[in-house]
């Protein structure tokens, strides 16, 4: 599931970049640098309306997948602080066990 969402996220990112770059802005933008009405020639007269709606849909999908990936990742991992506490408590147990063993051995040999 996680790999599928990552792949879908990359595809949506690339499509979103393409749709934004195809739109003709007020100053012409990149669309004007590469022939001006490329989107209109491919998509017809209603190209700007189609590009605007599809950009909105792709942006919403982008944010939904971002939040989904964040939630899935948060469930998989622990915080660094929790890992540090676990490691320090394990070290304390090992140190106390190491110091307790020689004292017990000396008491038995005497």
PDB file of N, CA and C in Angstrom:
ATOM      1  N   UNK A   1       0.816  -1.190   0.000  1.00  0.00           N
ATOM      2  CA  UNK A   1       0.000   0.000   0.000  1.00  0.00           C
ATOM      3  C   UNK A   1       0.868   1.266   0.000  1.00  0.00           C
ATOM      4  N   UNK A   2       1.910   1.235   0.842  1.00  0.00           N
ATOM      5  CA  UNK A   2       2.792   2.392   0.962  1.00  0.00           C
ATOM      6  C   UNK A   2       3.521   2.647  -0.351  1.00  0.00           C
ATOM      7  N   UNK A   3       4.005   1.590  -0.989  1.00  0.00           N
ATOM      8  CA  UNK A   3       4.720   1.729  -2.264  1.00  0.00           C
ATOM      9  C   UNK A   3       3.784   2.228  -3.356  1.00  0.00           C
ATOM     10  N   UNK A   4       2.568   1.737  -3.359  1.00  0.00           N
ATOM     11  CA  UNK A   4       1.576   2.196  -4.332  1.00  0.00           C
ATOM     12  C   UNK A   4       1.303   3.691  -4.169  1.00  0.00           C
ATOM     13  N   UNK A   5       1.159   4.143  -2.918  1.00  0.00           N
ATOM     14  CA  UNK A   5       0.901   5.564  -2.680  1.00  0.00           C
ATOM     15  C   UNK A   5       2.096   6.431  -3.089  1.00  0.00           C
ATOM     16  N   UNK A   6       3.296   5.934  -2.860  1.00  0.00           N
ATOM     17  CA  UNK A   6       4.492   6.686  -3.283  1.00  0.00           C
ATOM     18  C   UNK A   6       4.513   6.813  -4.804  1.00  0.00           C
ATOM     19  N   UNK A   7       4.258   5.710  -5.515  1.00  0.00           N
ATOM     20  CA  UNK A   7       4.250   5.741  -6.981  1.00  0.00           C
ATOM     21  C   UNK A   7       3.155   6.673  -7.495  1.00  0.00           C
ATOM     22  N   UNK A   8       1.973   6.596  -6.914  1.00  0.00           N
ATOM     23  CA  UNK A   8       0.871   7.477  -7.305  1.00  0.00           C
ATOM     24  C   UNK A   8       1.208   8.940  -7.019  1.00  0.00           C
ATOM     25  N   UNK A   9       1.876   9.171  -5.918  1.00  0.00           N
ATOM     26  CA  UNK A   9       2.280  10.525  -5.544  1.00  0.00           C
ATOM     27  C   UNK A   9       3.255  11.120  -6.568  1.00  0.00           C
ATOM     28  N   UNK A  10       4.202  10.319  -7.003  1.00  0.00           N
ATOM     29  CA  UNK A  10       5.172  10.790  -8.003  1.00  0.00           C
ATOM     30  C   UNK A  10       4.479  11.090  -9.327  1.00  0.00           C
ATOM     31  N   UNK A  11       3.558  10.226  -9.728  1.00  0.00           N
ATOM     32  CA  UNK A  11       2.825  10.446 -10.984  1.00  0.00           C
ATOM     33  C   UNK A  11       1.994  11.723 -10.905  1.00  0.00           C
ATOM     34  N   UNK A  12       1.321  11.931  -9.774  1.00  0.00           N
ATOM     35  CA  UNK A  12       0.518  13.142  -9.604  1.00  0.00           C
ATOM     36  C   UNK A  12       1.411  14.379  -9.586  1.00  0.00           C
ATOM     37  N   UNK A  13       2.577  14.278  -8.970  1.00  0.00           N
ATOM     38  CA  UNK A  13       3.506  15.419  -8.957  1.00  0.00           C
ATOM     39  C   UNK A  13       3.932  15.799 -10.367  1.00  0.00           C
ATOM     40  N   UNK A  14       4.296  14.813 -11.154  1.00  0.00           N
ATOM     41  CA  UNK A  14       4.725  15.090 -12.529  1.00  0.00           C
ATOM     42  C   UNK A  14       3.578  15.658 -13.368  1.00  0.00           C
ATOM     43  N   UNK A  15       2.383  15.106 -13.193  1.00  0.00           N
ATOM     44  CA  UNK A  15       1.231  15.618 -13.935  1.00  0.00           C
ATOM     45  C   UNK A  15       0.897  17.040 -13.503  1.00  0.00           C
ATOM     46  N   UNK A  16       0.998  17.316 -12.220  1.00  0.00           N
ATOM     47  CA  UNK A  16       0.719  18.657 -11.715  1.00  0.00           C
ATOM     48  C   UNK A  16       1.718  19.672 -12.273  1.00  0.00           C
ATOM     49  N   UNK A  17       2.980  19.295 -12.326  1.00  0.00           N
ATOM     50  CA  UNK A  17       4.000  20.169 -12.922  1.00  0.00           C
ATOM     51  C   UNK A  17       3.679  20.442 -14.385  1.00  0.00           C
ATOM     52  N   UNK A  18       3.332  19.385 -15.121  1.00  0.00           N
ATOM     53  CA  UNK A  18       3.031  19.545 -16.548  1.00  0.00           C
ATOM     54  C   UNK A  18       1.821  20.453 -16.770  1.00  0.00           C
ATOM     55  N   UNK A  19       0.758  20.246 -15.991  1.00  0.00           N
ATOM     56  CA  UNK A  19      -0.452  21.047 -16.173  1.00  0.00           C
ATOM     57  C   UNK A  19      -0.225  22.513 -15.793  1.00  0.00           C
ATOM     58  N   UNK A  20       0.567  22.750 -14.769  1.00  0.00           N
ATOM     59  CA  UNK A  20       0.847  24.134 -14.390  1.00  0.00           C
ATOM     60  C   UNK A  20       1.685  24.820 -15.465  1.00  0.00           C
ATOM     61  N   UNK A  21       2.652  24.111 -16.015  1.00  0.00           N
ATOM     62  CA  UNK A  21       3.504  24.710 -17.040  1.00  0.00           C
ATOM     63  C   UNK A  21       2.768  24.911 -18.369  1.00  0.00           C
ATOM     64  N   UNK A  22       1.747  24.108 -18.643  1.00  0.00           N
ATOM     65  CA  UNK A  22       0.992  24.273 -19.881  1.00  0.00           C
ATOM     66  C   UNK A  22       0.048  25.467 -19.844  1.00  0.00           C
ATOM     67  N   UNK A  23      -0.337  25.895 -18.661  1.00  0.00           N
ATOM     68  CA  UNK A  23      -1.271  27.013 -18.569  1.00  0.00           C
ATOM     69  C   UNK A  23      -0.590  28.310 -18.983  1.00  0.00           C
ATOM     70  N   UNK A  24      -1.330  29.115 -19.673  1.00  0.00           N
ATOM     71  CA  UNK A  24      -0.799  30.401 -20.106  1.00  0.00           C
ATOM     72  C   UNK A  24      -1.194  31.457 -19.085  1.00  0.00           C
ATOM     73  N   UNK A  25      -0.183  32.049 -18.465  1.00  0.00           N
ATOM     74  CA  UNK A  25      -0.433  33.050 -17.448  1.00  0.00           C
ATOM     75  C   UNK A  25      -0.648  34.419 -18.052  1.00  0.00           C
ATOM     76  N   UNK A  26      -0.673  35.421 -17.202  1.00  0.00           N
ATOM     77  CA  UNK A  26      -0.878  36.798 -17.658  1.00  0.00           C
ATOM     78  C   UNK A  26       0.289  37.280 -18.510  1.00  0.00           C
ATOM     79  N   UNK A  27       1.492  36.879 -18.127  1.00  0.00           N
ATOM     80  CA  UNK A  27       2.665  37.326 -18.864  1.00  0.00           C
ATOM     81  C   UNK A  27       3.109  36.356 -19.933  1.00  0.00           C
ATOM     82  N   UNK A  28       2.357  35.339 -20.191  1.00  0.00           N
ATOM     83  CA  UNK A  28       2.739  34.350 -21.190  1.00  0.00           C
ATOM     84  C   UNK A  28       3.379  33.133 -20.550  1.00  0.00           C
ATOM     85  N   UNK A  29       4.293  33.331 -19.590  1.00  0.00           N
ATOM     86  CA  UNK A  29       4.922  32.230 -18.867  1.00  0.00           C
ATOM     87  C   UNK A  29       5.728  31.315 -19.770  1.00  0.00           C
ATOM     88  N   UNK A  30       5.949  30.121 -19.305  1.00  0.00           N
ATOM     89  CA  UNK A  30       6.702  29.143 -20.078  1.00  0.00           C
ATOM     90  C   UNK A  30       5.897  28.671 -21.281  1.00  0.00           C
ATOM     91  N   UNK A  31       4.582  28.641 -21.116  1.00  0.00           N
ATOM     92  CA  UNK A  31       3.745  28.226 -22.243  1.00  0.00           C
ATOM     93  C   UNK A  31       3.963  29.146 -23.438  1.00  0.00           C
ATOM     94  N   UNK A  32       4.183  30.419 -23.203  1.00  0.00           N
ATOM     95  CA  UNK A  32       4.424  31.364 -24.286  1.00  0.00           C
ATOM     96  C   UNK A  32       5.796  31.200 -24.909  1.00  0.00           C
ATOM     97  N   UNK A  33       6.753  30.701 -24.141  1.00  0.00           N
ATOM     98  CA  UNK A  33       8.113  30.534 -24.655  1.00  0.00           C
ATOM     99  C   UNK A  33       8.206  29.382 -25.649  1.00  0.00           C
ATOM    100  N   UNK A  34       7.316  28.438 -25.556  1.00  0.00           N
ATOM    101  CA  UNK A  34       7.377  27.258 -26.427  1.00  0.00           C
ATOM    102  C   UNK A  34       6.241  27.225 -27.442  1.00  0.00           C
ATOM    103  N   UNK A  35       5.909  28.320 -27.995  1.00  0.00           N
ATOM    104  CA  UNK A  35       4.924  28.322 -29.057  1.00  0.00           C
ATOM    105  C   UNK A  35       3.586  28.902 -28.686  1.00  0.00           C
ATOM    106  N   UNK A  36       3.470  29.405 -27.498  1.00  0.00           N
ATOM    107  CA  UNK A  36       2.248  30.119 -27.133  1.00  0.00           C
ATOM    108  C   UNK A  36       1.069  29.225 -26.854  1.00  0.00           C
ATOM    109  N   UNK A  37       0.264  28.928 -27.826  1.00  0.00           N
ATOM    110  CA  UNK A  37      -0.991  28.207 -27.621  1.00  0.00           C
ATOM    111  C   UNK A  37      -0.874  26.722 -27.820  1.00  0.00           C
ATOM    112  N   UNK A  38       0.125  26.111 -27.269  1.00  0.00           N
ATOM    113  CA  UNK A  38       0.298  24.660 -27.418  1.00  0.00           C
ATOM    114  C   UNK A  38      -0.873  23.919 -26.799  1.00  0.00           C
ATOM    115  N   UNK A  39      -1.274  24.334 -25.598  1.00  0.00           N
ATOM    116  CA  UNK A  39      -2.386  23.665 -24.924  1.00  0.00           C
ATOM    117  C   UNK A  39      -3.674  23.827 -25.722  1.00  0.00           C
ATOM    118  N   UNK A  40      -3.891  25.013 -26.299  1.00  0.00           N
ATOM    119  CA  UNK A  40      -5.107  25.244 -27.081  1.00  0.00           C
ATOM    120  C   UNK A  40      -5.119  24.403 -28.348  1.00  0.00           C
ATOM    121  N   UNK A  41      -3.961  24.192 -28.939  1.00  0.00           N
ATOM    122  CA  UNK A  41      -3.926  23.392 -30.154  1.00  0.00           C
ATOM    123  C   UNK A  41      -4.172  21.915 -29.861  1.00  0.00           C
ATOM    124  N   UNK A  42      -3.738  21.438 -28.695  1.00  0.00           N
ATOM    125  CA  UNK A  42      -3.975  20.041 -28.336  1.00  0.00           C
ATOM    126  C   UNK A  42      -5.382  19.811 -27.807  1.00  0.00           C
ATOM    127  N   UNK A  43      -5.859  20.729 -26.990  1.00  0.00           N
ATOM    128  CA  UNK A  43      -7.107  20.504 -26.272  1.00  0.00           C
ATOM    129  C   UNK A  43      -8.295  21.281 -26.812  1.00  0.00           C
ATOM    130  N   UNK A  44      -8.092  22.147 -27.749  1.00  0.00           N
ATOM    131  CA  UNK A  44      -9.192  22.909 -28.320  1.00  0.00           C
ATOM    132  C   UNK A  44      -9.410  24.231 -27.620  1.00  0.00           C
ATOM    133  N   UNK A  45     -10.573  24.817 -27.864  1.00  0.00           N
ATOM    134  CA  UNK A  45     -10.869  26.166 -27.365  1.00  0.00           C
ATOM    135  C   UNK A  45     -11.087  26.199 -25.857  1.00  0.00           C
ATOM    136  N   UNK A  46     -11.517  25.107 -25.266  1.00  0.00           N
ATOM    137  CA  UNK A  46     -11.813  25.082 -23.834  1.00  0.00           C
ATOM    138  C   UNK A  46     -10.619  24.584 -23.024  1.00  0.00           C
ATOM    139  N   UNK A  47      -9.425  24.787 -23.535  1.00  0.00           N
ATOM    140  CA  UNK A  47      -8.221  24.273 -22.884  1.00  0.00           C
ATOM    141  C   UNK A  47      -7.974  24.923 -21.536  1.00  0.00           C
ATOM    142  N   UNK A  48      -8.169  26.216 -21.433  1.00  0.00           N
ATOM    143  CA  UNK A  48      -7.864  26.892 -20.175  1.00  0.00           C
ATOM    144  C   UNK A  48      -8.795  26.431 -19.053  1.00  0.00           C
ATOM    145  N   UNK A  49     -10.065  26.214 -19.369  1.00  0.00           N
ATOM    146  CA  UNK A  49     -11.005  25.729 -18.357  1.00  0.00           C
ATOM    147  C   UNK A  49     -10.648  24.307 -17.928  1.00  0.00           C
ATOM    148  N   UNK A  50     -10.302  23.458 -18.892  1.00  0.00           N
ATOM    149  CA  UNK A  50      -9.906  22.086 -18.586  1.00  0.00           C
ATOM    150  C   UNK A  50      -8.632  22.059 -17.756  1.00  0.00           C
ATOM    151  N   UNK A  51      -7.640  22.859 -18.136  1.00  0.00           N
ATOM    152  CA  UNK A  51      -6.379  22.887 -17.393  1.00  0.00           C
ATOM    153  C   UNK A  51      -6.579  23.405 -15.971  1.00  0.00           C
ATOM    154  N   UNK A  52      -7.433  24.383 -15.793  1.00  0.00           N
ATOM    155  CA  UNK A  52      -7.698  24.924 -14.467  1.00  0.00           C
ATOM    156  C   UNK A  52      -8.362  23.890 -13.564  1.00  0.00           C
ATOM    157  N   UNK A  53      -9.381  23.215 -14.087  1.00  0.00           N
ATOM    158  CA  UNK A  53     -10.076  22.201 -13.286  1.00  0.00           C
ATOM    159  C   UNK A  53      -9.176  21.004 -12.982  1.00  0.00           C
ATOM    160  N   UNK A  54      -8.426  20.559 -13.977  1.00  0.00           N
ATOM    161  CA  UNK A  54      -7.558  19.406 -13.738  1.00  0.00           C
ATOM    162  C   UNK A  54      -6.420  19.745 -12.779  1.00  0.00           C
ATOM    163  N   UNK A  55      -5.925  20.974 -12.817  1.00  0.00           N
ATOM    164  CA  UNK A  55      -4.897  21.397 -11.867  1.00  0.00           C
ATOM    165  C   UNK A  55      -5.456  21.406 -10.450  1.00  0.00           C
ATOM    166  N   UNK A  56      -6.693  21.844 -10.300  1.00  0.00           N
ATOM    167  CA  UNK A  56      -7.333  21.852  -8.980  1.00  0.00           C
ATOM    168  C   UNK A  56      -7.502  20.434  -8.451  1.00  0.00           C
ATOM    169  N   UNK A  57      -7.960  19.534  -9.301  1.00  0.00           N
ATOM    170  CA  UNK A  57      -8.150  18.136  -8.885  1.00  0.00           C
ATOM    171  C   UNK A  57      -6.814  17.506  -8.509  1.00  0.00           C
ATOM    172  N   UNK A  58      -5.792  17.728  -9.320  1.00  0.00           N
ATOM    173  CA  UNK A  58      -4.473  17.171  -9.023  1.00  0.00           C
ATOM    174  C   UNK A  58      -3.893  17.747  -7.735  1.00  0.00           C
ATOM    175  N   UNK A  59      -4.115  19.027  -7.483  1.00  0.00           N
ATOM    176  CA  UNK A  59      -3.615  19.644  -6.249  1.00  0.00           C
ATOM    177  C   UNK A  59      -4.304  19.052  -5.020  1.00  0.00           C
ATOM    178  N   UNK A  60      -5.610  18.832  -5.102  1.00  0.00           N
ATOM    179  CA  UNK A  60      -6.336  18.225  -3.985  1.00  0.00           C
ATOM    180  C   UNK A  60      -5.838  16.798  -3.752  1.00  0.00           C
ATOM    181  N   UNK A  61      -5.672  16.022  -4.815  1.00  0.00           N
ATOM    182  CA  UNK A  61      -5.132  14.665  -4.680  1.00  0.00           C
ATOM    183  C   UNK A  61      -3.729  14.676  -4.091  1.00  0.00           C
ATOM    184  N   UNK A  62      -2.920  15.638  -4.504  1.00  0.00           N
ATOM    185  CA  UNK A  62      -1.564  15.764  -3.987  1.00  0.00           C
ATOM    186  C   UNK A  62      -1.579  15.944  -2.465  1.00  0.00           C
ATOM    187  N   UNK A  63      -2.428  16.849  -1.974  1.00  0.00           N
ATOM    188  CA  UNK A  63      -2.488  17.093  -0.540  1.00  0.00           C
ATOM    189  C   UNK A  63      -3.061  15.914   0.223  1.00  0.00           C
ATOM    190  N   UNK A  64      -4.060  15.244  -0.329  1.00  0.00           N
ATOM    191  CA  UNK A  64      -4.654  14.082   0.340  1.00  0.00           C
ATOM    192  C   UNK A  64      -3.620  12.961   0.460  1.00  0.00           C
ATOM    193  N   UNK A  65      -2.865  12.731  -0.605  1.00  0.00           N
ATOM    194  CA  UNK A  65      -1.854  11.671  -0.560  1.00  0.00           C
ATOM    195  C   UNK A  65      -0.710  12.056   0.370  1.00  0.00           C
ATOM    196  N   UNK A  66      -0.354  13.332   0.419  1.00  0.00           N
ATOM    197  CA  UNK A  66       0.675  13.782   1.370  1.00  0.00           C
ATOM    198  C   UNK A  66       0.263  13.474   2.805  1.00  0.00           C
ATOM    199  N   UNK A  67      -0.975  13.789   3.140  1.00  0.00           N
ATOM    200  CA  UNK A  67      -1.459  13.532   4.499  1.00  0.00           C
ATOM    201  C   UNK A  67      -1.534  12.028   4.766  1.00  0.00           C
ATOM    202  N   UNK A  68      -1.962  11.248   3.779  1.00  0.00           N
ATOM    203  CA  UNK A  68      -2.033   9.795   3.943  1.00  0.00           C
ATOM    204  C   UNK A  68      -0.656   9.191   4.168  1.00  0.00           C
ATOM    205  N   UNK A  69       0.316   9.630   3.391  1.00  0.00           N
ATOM    206  CA  UNK A  69       1.684   9.121   3.554  1.00  0.00           C
ATOM    207  C   UNK A  69       2.259   9.517   4.911  1.00  0.00           C
ATOM    208  N   UNK A  70       1.939  10.703   5.366  1.00  0.00           N
ATOM    209  CA  UNK A  70       2.411  11.140   6.678  1.00  0.00           C
ATOM    210  C   UNK A  70       1.816  10.285   7.780  1.00  0.00           C
ATOM    211  N   UNK A  71       0.539   9.993   7.686  1.00  0.00           N
ATOM    212  CA  UNK A  71      -0.111   9.169   8.709  1.00  0.00           C
ATOM    213  C   UNK A  71       0.422   7.740   8.691  1.00  0.00           C
ATOM    214  N   UNK A  72       0.644   7.179   7.506  1.00  0.00           N
ATOM    215  CA  UNK A  72       1.189   5.827   7.424  1.00  0.00           C
ATOM    216  C   UNK A  72       2.613   5.760   7.966  1.00  0.00           C
ATOM    217  N   UNK A  73       3.407   6.778   7.697  1.00  0.00           N
ATOM    218  CA  UNK A  73       4.778   6.804   8.182  1.00  0.00           C
ATOM    219  C   UNK A  73       4.808   6.984   9.689  1.00  0.00           C
ATOM    220  N   UNK A  74       3.923   7.779  10.234  1.00  0.00           N
ATOM    221  CA  UNK A  74       3.879   8.010  11.681  1.00  0.00           C
ATOM    222  C   UNK A  74       3.522   6.736  12.429  1.00  0.00           C
ATOM    223  N   UNK A  75       2.700   5.894  11.833  1.00  0.00           N
ATOM    224  CA  UNK A  75       2.339   4.632  12.492  1.00  0.00           C
ATOM    225  C   UNK A  75       3.484   3.629  12.469  1.00  0.00           C
ATOM    226  N   UNK A  76       4.362   3.725  11.470  1.00  0.00           N
ATOM    227  CA  UNK A  76       5.460   2.769  11.342  1.00  0.00           C
ATOM    228  C   UNK A  76       6.626   3.066  12.274  1.00  0.00           C
ATOM    229  N   UNK A  77       6.897   4.320  12.537  1.00  0.00           N
ATOM    230  CA  UNK A  77       8.122   4.681  13.237  1.00  0.00           C
ATOM    231  C   UNK A  77       7.840   5.226  14.627  1.00  0.00           C
ATOM    232  N   UNK A  78       8.900   5.168  15.447  1.00  0.00           N
ATOM    233  CA  UNK A  78       8.851   5.782  16.759  1.00  0.00           C
ATOM    234  C   UNK A  78       9.667   7.057  16.707  1.00  0.00           C
ATOM    235  N   UNK A  79       9.528   7.851  17.708  1.00  0.00           N
ATOM    236  CA  UNK A  79      10.317   9.075  17.740  1.00  0.00           C
ATOM    237  C   UNK A  79      11.738   8.758  18.184  1.00  0.00           C
ATOM    238  N   UNK A  80      12.660   9.633  17.891  1.00  0.00           N
ATOM    239  CA  UNK A  80      14.045   9.467  18.313  1.00  0.00           C
ATOM    240  C   UNK A  80      14.161   9.540  19.822  1.00  0.00           C
ATOM    241  N   UNK A  81      13.323  10.331  20.457  1.00  0.00           N
ATOM    242  CA  UNK A  81      13.355  10.468  21.901  1.00  0.00           C
ATOM    243  C   UNK A  81      13.005   9.142  22.578  1.00  0.00           C
ATOM    244  N   UNK A  82      12.003   8.440  22.066  1.00  0.00           N
ATOM    245  CA  UNK A  82      11.625   7.141  22.633  1.00  0.00           C
ATOM    246  C   UNK A  82      12.735   6.128  22.447  1.00  0.00           C
ATOM    247  N   UNK A  83      13.410   6.142  21.304  1.00  0.00           N
ATOM    248  CA  UNK A  83      14.519   5.231  21.066  1.00  0.00           C
ATOM    249  C   UNK A  83      15.670   5.518  22.019  1.00  0.00           C
ATOM    250  N   UNK A  84      15.940   6.784  22.303  1.00  0.00           N
ATOM    251  CA  UNK A  84      17.026   7.156  23.205  1.00  0.00           C
ATOM    252  C   UNK A  84      16.708   6.712  24.632  1.00  0.00           C
ATOM    253  N   UNK A  85      15.463   6.844  25.043  1.00  0.00           N
ATOM    254  CA  UNK A  85      15.076   6.407  26.377  1.00  0.00           C
ATOM    255  C   UNK A  85      15.206   4.900  26.517  1.00  0.00           C
ATOM    256  N   UNK A  86      14.799   4.163  25.500  1.00  0.00           N
ATOM    257  CA  UNK A  86      14.887   2.714  25.528  1.00  0.00           C
ATOM    258  C   UNK A  86      16.343   2.265  25.584  1.00  0.00           C
ATOM    259  N   UNK A  87      17.199   2.892  24.798  1.00  0.00           N
ATOM    260  CA  UNK A  87      18.615   2.526  24.774  1.00  0.00           C
ATOM    261  C   UNK A  87      19.281   2.850  26.107  1.00  0.00           C
ATOM    262  N   UNK A  88      18.981   3.997  26.703  1.00  0.00           N
ATOM    263  CA  UNK A  88      19.608   4.365  27.971  1.00  0.00           C
ATOM    264  C   UNK A  88      19.128   3.463  29.098  1.00  0.00           C
ATOM    265  N   UNK A  89      17.867   3.066  29.100  1.00  0.00           N
ATOM    266  CA  UNK A  89      17.373   2.168  30.144  1.00  0.00           C
ATOM    267  C   UNK A  89      17.979   0.779  29.994  1.00  0.00           C
ATOM    268  N   UNK A  90      18.207   0.323  28.759  1.00  0.00           N
ATOM    269  CA  UNK A  90      18.859  -0.962  28.544  1.00  0.00           C
ATOM    270  C   UNK A  90      20.311  -0.923  29.012  1.00  0.00           C
ATOM    271  N   UNK A  91      20.999   0.195  28.779  1.00  0.00           N
ATOM    272  CA  UNK A  91      22.380   0.337  29.236  1.00  0.00           C
ATOM    273  C   UNK A  91      22.449   0.328  30.756  1.00  0.00           C
ATOM    274  N   UNK A  92      21.500   0.973  31.416  1.00  0.00           N
ATOM    275  CA  UNK A  92      21.481   0.998  32.872  1.00  0.00           C
ATOM    276  C   UNK A  92      21.257  -0.400  33.434  1.00  0.00           C
ATOM    277  N   UNK A  93      20.384  -1.173  32.828  1.00  0.00           N
ATOM    278  CA  UNK A  93      20.126  -2.537  33.279  1.00  0.00           C
ATOM    279  C   UNK A  93      21.371  -3.400  33.106  1.00  0.00           C
ATOM    280  N   UNK A  94      22.047  -3.237  31.958  1.00  0.00           N
ATOM    281  CA  UNK A  94      23.258  -4.014  31.712  1.00  0.00           C
ATOM    282  C   UNK A  94      24.368  -3.632  32.680  1.00  0.00           C
ATOM    283  N   UNK A  95      24.506  -2.346  32.984  1.00  0.00           N
ATOM    284  CA  UNK A  95      25.539  -1.905  33.921  1.00  0.00           C
ATOM    285  C   UNK A  95      25.251  -2.403  35.333  1.00  0.00           C
ATOM    286  N   UNK A  96      23.999  -2.343  35.748  1.00  0.00           N
ATOM    287  CA  UNK A  96      23.662  -2.818  37.086  1.00  0.00           C
ATOM    288  C   UNK A  96      23.835  -4.329  37.185  1.00  0.00           C
ATOM    289  N   UNK A  97      23.557  -5.046  36.107  1.00  0.00           N
ATOM    290  CA  UNK A  97      23.755  -6.491  36.110  1.00  0.00           C
ATOM    291  C   UNK A  97      25.243  -6.824  36.142  1.00  0.00           C
ATOM    292  N   UNK A  98      26.049  -6.049  35.451  1.00  0.00           N
ATOM    293  CA  UNK A  98      27.492  -6.289  35.420  1.00  0.00           C
ATOM    294  C   UNK A  98      28.131  -5.986  36.767  1.00  0.00           C
ATOM    295  N   UNK A  99      27.690  -4.978  37.459  1.00  0.00           N
ATOM    296  CA  UNK A  99      28.251  -4.648  38.773  1.00  0.00           C
ATOM    297  C   UNK A  99      27.729  -5.579  39.852  1.00  0.00           C
ATOM    298  N   UNK A 100      26.576  -6.157  39.677  1.00  0.00           N
ATOM    299  CA  UNK A 100      26.001  -7.062  40.676  1.00  0.00           C
ATOM    300  C   UNK A 100      26.645  -8.441  40.623  1.00  0.00           C
ATOM    301  N   UNK A 101      27.095  -8.895  39.476  1.00  0.00           N
ATOM    302  CA  UNK A 101      27.668 -10.225  39.339  1.00  0.00           C
ATOM    303  C   UNK A 101      28.981 -10.391  40.108  1.00  0.00           C
ATOM    304  N   UNK A 102      29.962  -9.488  40.008  1.00  0.00           N
ATOM    305  CA  UNK A 102      31.199  -9.699  40.750  1.00  0.00           C
ATOM    306  C   UNK A 102      30.986  -9.665  42.255  1.00  0.00           C
ATOM    307  N   UNK A 103      30.086  -8.830  42.734  1.00  0.00           N
ATOM    308  CA  UNK A 103      29.815  -8.762  44.163  1.00  0.00           C
ATOM    309  C   UNK A 103      29.231 -10.089  44.636  1.00  0.00           C
ATOM    310  N   UNK A 104      28.383 -10.677  43.867  1.00  0.00           N
ATOM    311  CA  UNK A 104      27.798 -11.966  44.221  1.00  0.00           C
ATOM    312  C   UNK A 104      28.832 -13.076  44.186  1.00  0.00           C
ATOM    313  N   UNK A 105      29.763 -13.044  43.241  1.00  0.00           N
ATOM    314  CA  UNK A 105      30.803 -14.061  43.118  1.00  0.00           C
ATOM    315  C   UNK A 105      31.770 -13.978  44.279  1.00  0.00           C
ATOM    316  N   UNK A 106      32.139 -12.784  44.741  1.00  0.00           N
ATOM    317  CA  UNK A 106      33.064 -12.608  45.841  1.00  0.00           C
ATOM    318  C   UNK A 106      32.457 -13.124  47.144  1.00  0.00           C
ATOM    319  N   UNK A 107      31.175 -12.881  47.306  1.00  0.00           N
ATOM    320  CA  UNK A 107      30.512 -13.317  48.534  1.00  0.00           C
ATOM    321  C   UNK A 107      30.454 -14.833  48.586  1.00  0.00           C
ATOM    322  N   UNK A 108      30.345 -15.506  47.484  1.00  0.00           N
ATOM    323  CA  UNK A 108      30.253 -16.964  47.482  1.00  0.00           C
ATOM    324  C   UNK A 108      31.621 -17.603  47.673  1.00  0.00           C
ATOM    325  N   UNK A 109      32.705 -16.982  47.204  1.00  0.00           N
ATOM    326  CA  UNK A 109      34.033 -17.574  47.308  1.00  0.00           C
ATOM    327  C   UNK A 109      34.596 -17.428  48.703  1.00  0.00           C
ATOM    328  N   UNK A 110      34.174 -16.494  49.523  1.00  0.00           N
ATOM    329  CA  UNK A 110      34.712 -16.306  50.855  1.00  0.00           C
ATOM    330  C   UNK A 110      34.131 -17.256  51.813  1.00  0.00           C
TER     331      UNK A 110
END
